[in-house]
Amino acid sequence: MPTIKIKAGSITNLTDARYFSAWEVEWLGFNLSEGEENAIAPMQLAAIREWVEGPKIVGEFSLSPKEEILHYVAELQLDAVQVGMFTDLATVMDLSYQLPVIKEIVVEKTTTVGDIEFMLSHFAPHVTYFLLNFDKGGFNWDQVQKGEILNVPVLQDFCQNFPILLGIGVATTELKSMLELLQPLGLNLLGGEEEKIGVKSFDDVDEIFEHLSLG
């Protein structure tokens, strides 16, 4: 069992869902934004849910309106929702009255420290967690250490003052030291495509979980 909260996001198949459930992750996330890469049909999510137990089920939404999100919350009995970078405060507030909300903040080359500080302080009273997503911007831990995107002290400050889940590429050999340095509340790992139905290699992810389970 990992020593830190883990959200497995962008799950598209039962193989991933069962694998991450076996590792006792906190959340399984499914992208319900129709037409997006790694999106999943609501009926497929409902079918997968019948075969897994333990993790909380998170619906991931990018630009979906509040009414659509609430429809899926009721239909699929979601335990939490993750909303996108541009979801407004009013929508987040309304959703937060009904279930936990994870607010995604995508870190891109043009993103400033001030941009992130504003979003964190603006949304903090109404969200349960923030997902600080470096993966979508194509950045990794090595680049943070080099100061190519934000820097270590800034990221430390964010993690110490806000409930942060990190979505960031990091070598498994550096994972433990990164977590000790930043102390985020959790990590966001990503599902992926099966090689064929029911068949997939989890060697890389196994290594991550083994490091996390050692503490």
N, C-alpha and C. Protein backbone atom coordinates (compact mmCIF):
# COMPACT_ATOMS: atom_id res chain seq x y z
N MET A 1 0.85 -1.20 0.00
CA MET A 1 0.00 0.00 0.00
C MET A 1 0.88 1.25 0.00
N PRO A 2 0.62 2.22 -0.90
CA PRO A 2 1.44 3.42 -0.95
C PRO A 2 1.37 4.22 0.35
N THR A 3 2.45 4.93 0.66
CA THR A 3 2.50 5.75 1.86
C THR A 3 2.01 7.17 1.60
N ILE A 4 1.52 7.43 0.39
CA ILE A 4 1.03 8.75 0.00
C ILE A 4 -0.25 8.53 -0.81
N LYS A 5 -1.14 9.52 -0.82
CA LYS A 5 -2.38 9.39 -1.59
C LYS A 5 -2.05 9.34 -3.08
N ILE A 6 -2.69 8.42 -3.78
CA ILE A 6 -2.48 8.27 -5.22
C ILE A 6 -3.81 8.39 -5.95
N LYS A 7 -3.84 9.24 -6.97
CA LYS A 7 -4.97 9.28 -7.90
C LYS A 7 -4.47 8.71 -9.22
N ALA A 8 -5.12 7.69 -9.69
CA ALA A 8 -4.84 7.14 -11.02
C ALA A 8 -5.85 7.76 -11.98
N GLY A 9 -5.38 8.57 -12.92
CA GLY A 9 -6.28 9.31 -13.78
C GLY A 9 -6.28 8.81 -15.21
N SER A 10 -7.27 9.28 -15.96
CA SER A 10 -7.43 8.93 -17.38
C SER A 10 -7.51 7.43 -17.60
N ILE A 11 -8.23 6.75 -16.71
CA ILE A 11 -8.42 5.30 -16.85
C ILE A 11 -9.40 5.04 -18.00
N THR A 12 -9.03 4.13 -18.88
CA THR A 12 -9.90 3.83 -20.03
C THR A 12 -10.25 2.36 -20.14
N ASN A 13 -9.72 1.52 -19.26
CA ASN A 13 -9.95 0.09 -19.42
C ASN A 13 -9.96 -0.61 -18.07
N LEU A 14 -10.56 -1.79 -18.05
CA LEU A 14 -10.69 -2.56 -16.81
C LEU A 14 -9.34 -3.04 -16.30
N THR A 15 -8.41 -3.32 -17.20
CA THR A 15 -7.08 -3.78 -16.78
C THR A 15 -6.41 -2.75 -15.88
N ASP A 16 -6.41 -1.48 -16.31
CA ASP A 16 -5.85 -0.41 -15.48
C ASP A 16 -6.61 -0.28 -14.16
N ALA A 17 -7.93 -0.28 -14.25
CA ALA A 17 -8.75 -0.07 -13.05
C ALA A 17 -8.48 -1.15 -12.00
N ARG A 18 -8.39 -2.39 -12.43
CA ARG A 18 -8.14 -3.48 -11.48
C ARG A 18 -6.71 -3.43 -10.95
N TYR A 19 -5.77 -3.07 -11.79
CA TYR A 19 -4.37 -2.97 -11.36
C TYR A 19 -4.22 -1.92 -10.26
N PHE A 20 -4.72 -0.71 -10.53
CA PHE A 20 -4.58 0.37 -9.55
C PHE A 20 -5.38 0.08 -8.28
N SER A 21 -6.52 -0.56 -8.43
CA SER A 21 -7.31 -0.94 -7.25
C SER A 21 -6.54 -1.90 -6.36
N ALA A 22 -5.83 -2.83 -6.99
CA ALA A 22 -5.05 -3.80 -6.22
C ALA A 22 -3.94 -3.13 -5.41
N TRP A 23 -3.45 -1.99 -5.91
CA TRP A 23 -2.44 -1.23 -5.17
C TRP A 23 -3.08 -0.28 -4.15
N GLU A 24 -4.38 -0.32 -4.03
CA GLU A 24 -5.12 0.45 -3.02
C GLU A 24 -4.91 1.96 -3.18
N VAL A 25 -5.03 2.43 -4.42
CA VAL A 25 -4.97 3.87 -4.64
C VAL A 25 -6.20 4.53 -4.03
N GLU A 26 -6.11 5.83 -3.81
CA GLU A 26 -7.22 6.57 -3.21
C GLU A 26 -8.35 6.80 -4.21
N TRP A 27 -7.98 7.12 -5.46
CA TRP A 27 -8.98 7.48 -6.47
C TRP A 27 -8.67 6.82 -7.80
N LEU A 28 -9.73 6.48 -8.53
CA LEU A 28 -9.65 6.13 -9.94
C LEU A 28 -10.36 7.23 -10.71
N GLY A 29 -9.66 7.87 -11.64
CA GLY A 29 -10.24 8.97 -12.41
C GLY A 29 -10.56 8.56 -13.84
N PHE A 30 -11.72 8.98 -14.32
CA PHE A 30 -12.18 8.66 -15.67
C PHE A 30 -12.58 9.95 -16.37
N ASN A 31 -12.00 10.19 -17.56
CA ASN A 31 -12.28 11.40 -18.31
C ASN A 31 -13.64 11.27 -19.00
N LEU A 32 -14.58 12.09 -18.57
CA LEU A 32 -15.94 12.04 -19.12
C LEU A 32 -16.22 13.19 -20.08
N SER A 33 -15.16 13.88 -20.53
CA SER A 33 -15.31 14.97 -21.50
C SER A 33 -15.30 14.38 -22.90
N GLU A 34 -16.47 14.28 -23.49
CA GLU A 34 -16.64 13.61 -24.78
C GLU A 34 -15.75 14.23 -25.85
N GLY A 35 -15.10 13.37 -26.64
CA GLY A 35 -14.28 13.83 -27.75
C GLY A 35 -12.83 14.05 -27.41
N GLU A 36 -12.49 14.04 -26.13
CA GLU A 36 -11.10 14.25 -25.74
C GLU A 36 -10.31 12.94 -25.78
N GLU A 37 -8.99 13.09 -25.90
CA GLU A 37 -8.13 11.92 -25.83
C GLU A 37 -8.30 11.26 -24.45
N ASN A 38 -8.36 9.96 -24.44
CA ASN A 38 -8.52 9.18 -23.21
C ASN A 38 -9.89 9.34 -22.56
N ALA A 39 -10.86 9.88 -23.31
CA ALA A 39 -12.22 9.97 -22.77
C ALA A 39 -12.85 8.57 -22.77
N ILE A 40 -13.78 8.39 -21.86
CA ILE A 40 -14.45 7.09 -21.74
C ILE A 40 -15.95 7.31 -21.75
N ALA A 41 -16.68 6.40 -22.37
CA ALA A 41 -18.13 6.51 -22.41
C ALA A 41 -18.71 6.22 -21.03
N PRO A 42 -19.75 6.94 -20.63
CA PRO A 42 -20.35 6.73 -19.31
C PRO A 42 -20.74 5.28 -19.04
N MET A 43 -21.28 4.61 -20.05
CA MET A 43 -21.69 3.22 -19.85
C MET A 43 -20.49 2.31 -19.62
N GLN A 44 -19.36 2.65 -20.26
CA GLN A 44 -18.15 1.86 -20.05
C GLN A 44 -17.63 2.03 -18.63
N LEU A 45 -17.69 3.27 -18.13
CA LEU A 45 -17.30 3.52 -16.74
C LEU A 45 -18.19 2.73 -15.79
N ALA A 46 -19.49 2.76 -16.05
CA ALA A 46 -20.42 2.03 -15.18
C ALA A 46 -20.10 0.54 -15.16
N ALA A 47 -19.73 0.00 -16.33
CA ALA A 47 -19.40 -1.43 -16.41
C ALA A 47 -18.11 -1.74 -15.65
N ILE A 48 -17.11 -0.88 -15.81
CA ILE A 48 -15.83 -1.09 -15.11
C ILE A 48 -16.04 -1.04 -13.60
N ARG A 49 -16.87 -0.12 -13.17
CA ARG A 49 -17.08 0.06 -11.73
C ARG A 49 -17.63 -1.21 -11.08
N GLU A 50 -18.36 -1.99 -11.82
CA GLU A 50 -18.92 -3.23 -11.28
C GLU A 50 -17.82 -4.23 -10.89
N TRP A 51 -16.62 -4.05 -11.45
CA TRP A 51 -15.56 -5.03 -11.27
C TRP A 51 -14.46 -4.57 -10.32
N VAL A 52 -14.58 -3.38 -9.80
CA VAL A 52 -13.54 -2.88 -8.88
C VAL A 52 -14.19 -2.39 -7.59
N GLU A 53 -13.43 -2.45 -6.52
CA GLU A 53 -13.92 -1.91 -5.25
C GLU A 53 -12.74 -1.34 -4.48
N GLY A 54 -13.03 -0.37 -3.64
CA GLY A 54 -11.98 0.25 -2.82
C GLY A 54 -11.79 1.71 -3.15
N PRO A 55 -11.18 2.03 -4.32
CA PRO A 55 -10.91 3.44 -4.62
C PRO A 55 -12.19 4.24 -4.85
N LYS A 56 -12.11 5.53 -4.55
CA LYS A 56 -13.20 6.45 -4.88
C LYS A 56 -13.17 6.72 -6.39
N ILE A 57 -14.34 6.89 -6.97
CA ILE A 57 -14.45 7.10 -8.41
C ILE A 57 -14.59 8.59 -8.70
N VAL A 58 -13.68 9.10 -9.53
CA VAL A 58 -13.64 10.53 -9.86
C VAL A 58 -13.99 10.72 -11.33
N GLY A 59 -14.96 11.58 -11.61
CA GLY A 59 -15.23 11.99 -12.97
C GLY A 59 -14.37 13.18 -13.33
N GLU A 60 -13.63 13.08 -14.42
CA GLU A 60 -12.74 14.15 -14.85
C GLU A 60 -13.39 14.94 -15.98
N PHE A 61 -13.48 16.25 -15.80
CA PHE A 61 -14.15 17.11 -16.77
C PHE A 61 -13.26 18.31 -17.11
N SER A 62 -13.26 18.70 -18.38
CA SER A 62 -12.45 19.85 -18.80
C SER A 62 -13.28 21.12 -18.85
N LEU A 63 -14.15 21.21 -19.85
CA LEU A 63 -14.96 22.42 -20.03
C LEU A 63 -16.45 22.13 -19.92
N SER A 64 -16.81 21.02 -19.36
CA SER A 64 -18.22 20.65 -19.27
C SER A 64 -19.00 21.62 -18.38
N PRO A 65 -20.22 21.98 -18.77
CA PRO A 65 -21.04 22.85 -17.93
C PRO A 65 -21.47 22.14 -16.65
N LYS A 66 -21.84 22.93 -15.67
CA LYS A 66 -22.23 22.39 -14.36
C LYS A 66 -23.36 21.38 -14.48
N GLU A 67 -24.35 21.67 -15.30
CA GLU A 67 -25.51 20.78 -15.42
C GLU A 67 -25.10 19.39 -15.93
N GLU A 68 -24.18 19.37 -16.88
CA GLU A 68 -23.71 18.09 -17.41
C GLU A 68 -22.93 17.31 -16.36
N ILE A 69 -22.09 18.02 -15.62
CA ILE A 69 -21.31 17.37 -14.56
C ILE A 69 -22.24 16.77 -13.52
N LEU A 70 -23.23 17.54 -13.08
CA LEU A 70 -24.16 17.05 -12.06
C LEU A 70 -24.98 15.88 -12.57
N HIS A 71 -25.29 15.88 -13.86
CA HIS A 71 -26.01 14.75 -14.45
C HIS A 71 -25.19 13.47 -14.29
N TYR A 72 -23.90 13.55 -14.60
CA TYR A 72 -23.05 12.36 -14.49
C TYR A 72 -22.79 11.99 -13.03
N VAL A 73 -22.72 12.99 -12.17
CA VAL A 73 -22.56 12.70 -10.73
C VAL A 73 -23.70 11.81 -10.25
N ALA A 74 -24.92 12.16 -10.66
CA ALA A 74 -26.09 11.39 -10.23
C ALA A 74 -26.17 10.04 -10.95
N GLU A 75 -25.98 10.06 -12.26
CA GLU A 75 -26.14 8.84 -13.05
C GLU A 75 -25.10 7.78 -12.70
N LEU A 76 -23.86 8.23 -12.47
CA LEU A 76 -22.75 7.29 -12.25
C LEU A 76 -22.35 7.18 -10.78
N GLN A 77 -23.05 7.92 -9.92
CA GLN A 77 -22.76 7.90 -8.48
C GLN A 77 -21.28 8.18 -8.21
N LEU A 78 -20.80 9.27 -8.78
CA LEU A 78 -19.40 9.65 -8.62
C LEU A 78 -19.12 10.06 -7.18
N ASP A 79 -17.92 9.73 -6.72
CA ASP A 79 -17.52 10.11 -5.36
C ASP A 79 -16.87 11.48 -5.31
N ALA A 80 -16.36 11.95 -6.45
CA ALA A 80 -15.70 13.26 -6.53
C ALA A 80 -15.63 13.65 -8.00
N VAL A 81 -15.35 14.92 -8.24
CA VAL A 81 -15.15 15.39 -9.62
C VAL A 81 -13.84 16.15 -9.70
N GLN A 82 -13.22 16.06 -10.86
CA GLN A 82 -12.05 16.88 -11.17
C GLN A 82 -12.45 17.84 -12.28
N VAL A 83 -12.24 19.13 -12.06
CA VAL A 83 -12.64 20.12 -13.06
C VAL A 83 -11.40 20.76 -13.67
N GLY A 84 -11.58 21.30 -14.86
CA GLY A 84 -10.46 21.79 -15.64
C GLY A 84 -9.97 23.17 -15.24
N MET A 85 -8.92 23.54 -15.93
CA MET A 85 -8.21 24.79 -15.69
C MET A 85 -9.14 26.01 -15.76
N PHE A 86 -10.09 25.97 -16.68
CA PHE A 86 -10.91 27.15 -16.94
C PHE A 86 -12.32 27.06 -16.34
N THR A 87 -12.56 26.08 -15.52
CA THR A 87 -13.85 26.01 -14.82
C THR A 87 -13.93 27.16 -13.82
N ASP A 88 -15.02 27.93 -13.88
CA ASP A 88 -15.08 29.15 -13.08
C ASP A 88 -15.43 28.88 -11.62
N LEU A 89 -15.24 29.91 -10.81
CA LEU A 89 -15.42 29.78 -9.37
C LEU A 89 -16.86 29.45 -9.00
N ALA A 90 -17.83 30.06 -9.69
CA ALA A 90 -19.23 29.80 -9.37
C ALA A 90 -19.58 28.33 -9.56
N THR A 91 -19.09 27.74 -10.64
CA THR A 91 -19.34 26.32 -10.89
C THR A 91 -18.70 25.45 -9.82
N VAL A 92 -17.46 25.77 -9.47
CA VAL A 92 -16.75 25.02 -8.43
C VAL A 92 -17.49 25.12 -7.10
N MET A 93 -17.96 26.30 -6.76
CA MET A 93 -18.69 26.49 -5.51
C MET A 93 -19.95 25.63 -5.49
N ASP A 94 -20.71 25.65 -6.57
CA ASP A 94 -21.95 24.87 -6.63
C ASP A 94 -21.66 23.37 -6.51
N LEU A 95 -20.63 22.92 -7.19
CA LEU A 95 -20.27 21.50 -7.13
C LEU A 95 -19.81 21.10 -5.73
N SER A 96 -19.07 22.00 -5.09
CA SER A 96 -18.48 21.68 -3.79
C SER A 96 -19.52 21.47 -2.70
N TYR A 97 -20.74 21.98 -2.91
CA TYR A 97 -21.81 21.75 -1.94
C TYR A 97 -22.30 20.30 -1.99
N GLN A 98 -21.98 19.59 -3.07
CA GLN A 98 -22.52 18.25 -3.25
C GLN A 98 -21.48 17.13 -3.12
N LEU A 99 -20.23 17.42 -3.44
CA LEU A 99 -19.20 16.38 -3.37
C LEU A 99 -17.82 17.02 -3.47
N PRO A 100 -16.76 16.28 -3.12
CA PRO A 100 -15.41 16.84 -3.19
C PRO A 100 -15.02 17.22 -4.62
N VAL A 101 -14.28 18.33 -4.73
CA VAL A 101 -13.84 18.83 -6.03
C VAL A 101 -12.31 18.89 -6.06
N ILE A 102 -11.74 18.36 -7.13
CA ILE A 102 -10.32 18.51 -7.42
C ILE A 102 -10.19 19.51 -8.56
N LYS A 103 -9.44 20.56 -8.35
CA LYS A 103 -9.26 21.60 -9.37
C LYS A 103 -7.91 21.41 -10.05
N GLU A 104 -7.94 21.20 -11.36
CA GLU A 104 -6.70 21.01 -12.11
C GLU A 104 -6.09 22.36 -12.49
N ILE A 105 -4.78 22.47 -12.31
CA ILE A 105 -4.02 23.63 -12.78
C ILE A 105 -2.91 23.09 -13.67
N VAL A 106 -2.98 23.38 -14.96
CA VAL A 106 -1.98 22.91 -15.91
C VAL A 106 -0.81 23.89 -15.93
N VAL A 107 0.39 23.38 -15.71
CA VAL A 107 1.58 24.23 -15.71
C VAL A 107 2.19 24.20 -17.11
N GLU A 108 2.18 25.35 -17.77
CA GLU A 108 2.74 25.48 -19.12
C GLU A 108 3.89 26.47 -19.11
N LYS A 109 4.56 26.59 -20.26
CA LYS A 109 5.73 27.46 -20.34
C LYS A 109 5.39 28.91 -20.00
N THR A 110 4.19 29.33 -20.38
CA THR A 110 3.79 30.72 -20.15
C THR A 110 3.17 30.94 -18.77
N THR A 111 3.00 29.88 -18.00
CA THR A 111 2.39 30.00 -16.67
C THR A 111 3.36 30.67 -15.71
N THR A 112 2.91 31.70 -15.02
CA THR A 112 3.76 32.39 -14.05
C THR A 112 3.43 31.93 -12.63
N VAL A 113 4.36 32.21 -11.73
CA VAL A 113 4.11 31.91 -10.31
C VAL A 113 2.86 32.64 -9.84
N GLY A 114 2.71 33.89 -10.28
CA GLY A 114 1.53 34.67 -9.90
C GLY A 114 0.23 34.06 -10.39
N ASP A 115 0.25 33.50 -11.60
CA ASP A 115 -0.94 32.83 -12.13
C ASP A 115 -1.38 31.70 -11.20
N ILE A 116 -0.41 30.89 -10.80
CA ILE A 116 -0.72 29.74 -9.95
C ILE A 116 -1.14 30.19 -8.56
N GLU A 117 -0.43 31.17 -8.01
CA GLU A 117 -0.78 31.69 -6.68
C GLU A 117 -2.21 32.21 -6.66
N PHE A 118 -2.61 32.91 -7.72
CA PHE A 118 -3.96 33.45 -7.79
C PHE A 118 -4.99 32.33 -7.79
N MET A 119 -4.77 31.32 -8.64
CA MET A 119 -5.74 30.22 -8.72
C MET A 119 -5.82 29.45 -7.41
N LEU A 120 -4.69 29.21 -6.78
CA LEU A 120 -4.69 28.48 -5.52
C LEU A 120 -5.47 29.24 -4.44
N SER A 121 -5.18 30.51 -4.29
CA SER A 121 -5.84 31.30 -3.24
C SER A 121 -7.31 31.53 -3.56
N HIS A 122 -7.62 31.70 -4.85
CA HIS A 122 -8.98 31.99 -5.30
C HIS A 122 -9.91 30.80 -5.07
N PHE A 123 -9.42 29.60 -5.36
CA PHE A 123 -10.27 28.40 -5.32
C PHE A 123 -10.13 27.60 -4.03
N ALA A 124 -9.11 27.87 -3.24
CA ALA A 124 -8.82 27.05 -2.05
C ALA A 124 -10.01 26.83 -1.12
N PRO A 125 -10.83 27.86 -0.86
CA PRO A 125 -11.94 27.64 0.09
C PRO A 125 -12.99 26.64 -0.41
N HIS A 126 -12.95 26.31 -1.71
CA HIS A 126 -14.05 25.54 -2.29
C HIS A 126 -13.62 24.21 -2.91
N VAL A 127 -12.34 23.88 -2.84
CA VAL A 127 -11.91 22.60 -3.41
C VAL A 127 -11.28 21.75 -2.31
N THR A 128 -11.27 20.45 -2.55
CA THR A 128 -10.66 19.52 -1.60
C THR A 128 -9.17 19.35 -1.90
N TYR A 129 -8.86 19.30 -3.20
CA TYR A 129 -7.46 19.18 -3.64
C TYR A 129 -7.26 19.98 -4.92
N PHE A 130 -6.00 20.33 -5.16
CA PHE A 130 -5.58 20.85 -6.46
C PHE A 130 -4.71 19.79 -7.13
N LEU A 131 -4.90 19.61 -8.44
CA LEU A 131 -3.98 18.79 -9.22
C LEU A 131 -3.07 19.74 -9.99
N LEU A 132 -1.83 19.84 -9.57
CA LEU A 132 -0.84 20.67 -10.26
C LEU A 132 -0.22 19.79 -11.34
N ASN A 133 -0.64 20.03 -12.58
CA ASN A 133 -0.37 19.10 -13.66
C ASN A 133 0.76 19.60 -14.56
N PHE A 134 1.96 19.05 -14.35
CA PHE A 134 3.10 19.34 -15.21
C PHE A 134 3.09 18.43 -16.44
N ASP A 135 2.49 17.25 -16.31
CA ASP A 135 2.49 16.27 -17.41
C ASP A 135 1.87 16.85 -18.68
N LYS A 136 0.74 17.53 -18.54
CA LYS A 136 0.05 18.07 -19.72
C LYS A 136 0.88 19.13 -20.43
N GLY A 137 1.68 19.86 -19.67
CA GLY A 137 2.54 20.87 -20.28
C GLY A 137 3.84 20.31 -20.81
N GLY A 138 4.07 19.01 -20.58
CA GLY A 138 5.28 18.37 -21.08
C GLY A 138 6.51 18.60 -20.22
N PHE A 139 6.31 18.91 -18.93
CA PHE A 139 7.44 19.20 -18.05
C PHE A 139 7.61 18.12 -17.00
N ASN A 140 8.85 18.01 -16.48
CA ASN A 140 9.15 16.97 -15.50
C ASN A 140 9.93 17.54 -14.32
N TRP A 141 10.19 16.69 -13.35
CA TRP A 141 10.87 17.10 -12.12
C TRP A 141 12.28 17.62 -12.38
N ASP A 142 12.98 17.02 -13.32
CA ASP A 142 14.33 17.48 -13.65
C ASP A 142 14.31 18.94 -14.10
N GLN A 143 13.31 19.33 -14.88
CA GLN A 143 13.21 20.71 -15.36
C GLN A 143 12.86 21.68 -14.23
N VAL A 144 12.08 21.22 -13.27
CA VAL A 144 11.80 22.06 -12.10
C VAL A 144 13.09 22.29 -11.31
N GLN A 145 13.87 21.24 -11.12
CA GLN A 145 15.12 21.36 -10.38
C GLN A 145 16.09 22.32 -11.06
N LYS A 146 16.05 22.36 -12.39
CA LYS A 146 16.93 23.25 -13.15
C LYS A 146 16.38 24.67 -13.26
N GLY A 147 15.16 24.87 -12.78
CA GLY A 147 14.54 26.19 -12.87
C GLY A 147 14.01 26.52 -14.24
N GLU A 148 13.84 25.51 -15.10
CA GLU A 148 13.31 25.75 -16.44
C GLU A 148 11.81 25.98 -16.41
N ILE A 149 11.14 25.45 -15.39
CA ILE A 149 9.71 25.69 -15.20
C ILE A 149 9.48 25.79 -13.69
N LEU A 150 9.02 26.93 -13.22
CA LEU A 150 8.97 27.23 -11.79
C LEU A 150 10.34 26.95 -11.19
N ASN A 151 10.38 26.55 -9.92
CA ASN A 151 11.63 26.14 -9.27
C ASN A 151 11.26 25.40 -7.99
N VAL A 152 12.24 24.78 -7.37
CA VAL A 152 11.96 23.94 -6.21
C VAL A 152 11.38 24.72 -5.03
N PRO A 153 11.95 25.88 -4.62
CA PRO A 153 11.37 26.60 -3.48
C PRO A 153 9.91 27.01 -3.70
N VAL A 154 9.58 27.43 -4.92
CA VAL A 154 8.20 27.83 -5.22
C VAL A 154 7.27 26.62 -5.10
N LEU A 155 7.69 25.50 -5.65
CA LEU A 155 6.85 24.30 -5.59
C LEU A 155 6.73 23.79 -4.15
N GLN A 156 7.79 23.90 -3.39
CA GLN A 156 7.73 23.55 -1.96
C GLN A 156 6.68 24.40 -1.25
N ASP A 157 6.70 25.68 -1.53
CA ASP A 157 5.76 26.61 -0.89
C ASP A 157 4.32 26.24 -1.23
N PHE A 158 4.06 25.94 -2.50
CA PHE A 158 2.71 25.54 -2.90
C PHE A 158 2.27 24.29 -2.15
N CYS A 159 3.15 23.30 -2.08
CA CYS A 159 2.80 22.02 -1.45
C CYS A 159 2.61 22.16 0.06
N GLN A 160 3.32 23.09 0.67
CA GLN A 160 3.21 23.28 2.11
C GLN A 160 1.96 24.06 2.50
N ASN A 161 1.46 24.88 1.58
CA ASN A 161 0.35 25.76 1.93
C ASN A 161 -1.00 25.39 1.32
N PHE A 162 -0.99 24.43 0.39
CA PHE A 162 -2.23 24.03 -0.27
C PHE A 162 -2.26 22.50 -0.42
N PRO A 163 -3.47 21.93 -0.53
CA PRO A 163 -3.59 20.47 -0.70
C PRO A 163 -3.30 20.06 -2.14
N ILE A 164 -2.05 19.75 -2.42
CA ILE A 164 -1.58 19.55 -3.78
C ILE A 164 -1.40 18.06 -4.11
N LEU A 165 -1.97 17.67 -5.24
CA LEU A 165 -1.63 16.41 -5.90
C LEU A 165 -0.73 16.77 -7.07
N LEU A 166 0.40 16.11 -7.20
CA LEU A 166 1.35 16.42 -8.27
C LEU A 166 1.21 15.45 -9.43
N GLY A 167 1.09 15.99 -10.63
CA GLY A 167 1.17 15.20 -11.84
C GLY A 167 2.44 15.59 -12.55
N ILE A 168 3.51 14.84 -12.33
CA ILE A 168 4.82 15.24 -12.85
C ILE A 168 5.68 14.00 -13.11
N GLY A 169 6.37 14.01 -14.23
CA GLY A 169 7.27 12.92 -14.53
C GLY A 169 8.53 12.99 -13.68
N VAL A 170 8.91 11.87 -13.10
CA VAL A 170 10.10 11.83 -12.25
C VAL A 170 10.70 10.43 -12.34
N ALA A 171 12.03 10.37 -12.38
CA ALA A 171 12.70 9.07 -12.37
C ALA A 171 12.40 8.36 -11.06
N THR A 172 12.18 7.07 -11.11
CA THR A 172 11.85 6.34 -9.89
C THR A 172 12.96 6.46 -8.85
N THR A 173 14.20 6.61 -9.30
CA THR A 173 15.31 6.74 -8.36
C THR A 173 15.28 8.07 -7.62
N GLU A 174 14.53 9.04 -8.16
CA GLU A 174 14.43 10.36 -7.54
C GLU A 174 13.10 10.58 -6.84
N LEU A 175 12.21 9.61 -6.95
CA LEU A 175 10.85 9.78 -6.44
C LEU A 175 10.83 10.05 -4.94
N LYS A 176 11.51 9.22 -4.18
CA LYS A 176 11.49 9.36 -2.72
C LYS A 176 12.05 10.70 -2.28
N SER A 177 13.17 11.12 -2.88
CA SER A 177 13.78 12.40 -2.48
C SER A 177 12.89 13.57 -2.87
N MET A 178 12.20 13.48 -4.03
CA MET A 178 11.28 14.54 -4.43
C MET A 178 10.14 14.67 -3.44
N LEU A 179 9.57 13.54 -3.04
CA LEU A 179 8.44 13.57 -2.11
C LEU A 179 8.87 14.09 -0.74
N GLU A 180 10.05 13.72 -0.28
CA GLU A 180 10.54 14.21 1.01
C GLU A 180 10.78 15.72 0.96
N LEU A 181 11.24 16.20 -0.19
CA LEU A 181 11.54 17.62 -0.34
C LEU A 181 10.27 18.46 -0.44
N LEU A 182 9.32 18.01 -1.25
CA LEU A 182 8.12 18.81 -1.52
C LEU A 182 6.97 18.52 -0.55
N GLN A 183 6.83 17.27 -0.16
CA GLN A 183 5.75 16.82 0.73
C GLN A 183 4.36 17.20 0.22
N PRO A 184 4.04 16.82 -1.03
CA PRO A 184 2.67 17.02 -1.51
C PRO A 184 1.74 16.04 -0.81
N LEU A 185 0.44 16.28 -0.91
CA LEU A 185 -0.51 15.34 -0.32
C LEU A 185 -0.65 14.08 -1.15
N GLY A 186 -0.32 14.18 -2.44
CA GLY A 186 -0.47 12.99 -3.27
C GLY A 186 0.13 13.15 -4.64
N LEU A 187 0.04 12.07 -5.41
CA LEU A 187 0.53 12.03 -6.78
C LEU A 187 -0.60 11.64 -7.72
N ASN A 188 -0.51 12.13 -8.96
CA ASN A 188 -1.45 11.73 -10.00
C ASN A 188 -0.69 10.87 -11.01
N LEU A 189 -1.06 9.60 -11.11
CA LEU A 189 -0.49 8.71 -12.11
C LEU A 189 -1.50 8.52 -13.23
N LEU A 190 -1.02 8.14 -14.40
CA LEU A 190 -1.90 8.06 -15.56
C LEU A 190 -2.07 6.64 -16.05
N GLY A 191 -3.31 6.32 -16.43
CA GLY A 191 -3.56 5.07 -17.10
C GLY A 191 -3.11 5.18 -18.55
N GLY A 192 -3.26 4.10 -19.29
CA GLY A 192 -2.83 4.11 -20.69
C GLY A 192 -3.54 3.04 -21.49
N GLU A 193 -3.14 2.94 -22.76
CA GLU A 193 -3.79 1.98 -23.65
C GLU A 193 -3.30 0.55 -23.36
N GLU A 194 -4.19 -0.39 -23.55
CA GLU A 194 -3.82 -1.80 -23.47
C GLU A 194 -3.11 -2.22 -24.75
N GLU A 195 -2.17 -3.17 -24.64
CA GLU A 195 -1.53 -3.72 -25.83
C GLU A 195 -2.56 -4.50 -26.64
N LYS A 196 -3.38 -5.26 -25.96
CA LYS A 196 -4.60 -5.85 -26.49
C LYS A 196 -5.51 -6.05 -25.29
N ILE A 197 -6.75 -6.36 -25.52
CA ILE A 197 -7.71 -6.38 -24.42
C ILE A 197 -7.23 -7.31 -23.31
N GLY A 198 -7.12 -6.73 -22.12
CA GLY A 198 -6.73 -7.51 -20.95
C GLY A 198 -5.24 -7.72 -20.80
N VAL A 199 -4.43 -7.20 -21.73
CA VAL A 199 -2.98 -7.42 -21.68
C VAL A 199 -2.26 -6.08 -21.66
N LYS A 200 -1.37 -5.92 -20.69
CA LYS A 200 -0.64 -4.66 -20.58
C LYS A 200 0.57 -4.88 -19.68
N SER A 201 1.66 -4.18 -19.98
CA SER A 201 2.85 -4.24 -19.13
C SER A 201 2.79 -3.13 -18.10
N PHE A 202 2.97 -3.47 -16.83
CA PHE A 202 2.95 -2.49 -15.75
C PHE A 202 4.32 -2.37 -15.08
N ASP A 203 5.37 -2.78 -15.78
CA ASP A 203 6.70 -2.81 -15.16
C ASP A 203 7.10 -1.46 -14.58
N ASP A 204 6.92 -0.38 -15.37
CA ASP A 204 7.33 0.95 -14.91
C ASP A 204 6.51 1.40 -13.71
N VAL A 205 5.20 1.15 -13.76
CA VAL A 205 4.34 1.57 -12.67
C VAL A 205 4.59 0.72 -11.43
N ASP A 206 4.86 -0.56 -11.64
CA ASP A 206 5.22 -1.43 -10.51
C ASP A 206 6.39 -0.85 -9.73
N GLU A 207 7.38 -0.36 -10.46
CA GLU A 207 8.57 0.19 -9.82
C GLU A 207 8.22 1.42 -8.99
N ILE A 208 7.32 2.26 -9.52
CA ILE A 208 6.88 3.44 -8.78
C ILE A 208 6.20 3.01 -7.48
N PHE A 209 5.27 2.07 -7.56
CA PHE A 209 4.55 1.65 -6.37
C PHE A 209 5.46 0.97 -5.36
N GLU A 210 6.43 0.23 -5.84
CA GLU A 210 7.37 -0.40 -4.92
C GLU A 210 8.16 0.64 -4.13
N HIS A 211 8.57 1.73 -4.81
CA HIS A 211 9.26 2.82 -4.12
C HIS A 211 8.33 3.51 -3.12
N LEU A 212 7.07 3.72 -3.54
CA LEU A 212 6.12 4.40 -2.66
C LEU A 212 5.78 3.55 -1.44
N SER A 213 5.71 2.26 -1.61
CA SER A 213 5.33 1.37 -0.52
C SER A 213 6.43 1.22 0.51
N LEU A 214 7.66 1.51 0.11
CA LEU A 214 8.77 1.42 1.05
C LEU A 214 8.84 2.62 1.97
N GLY A 215 8.13 3.70 1.58
CA GLY A 215 8.10 4.90 2.41
C GLY A 215 9.35 5.73 2.27
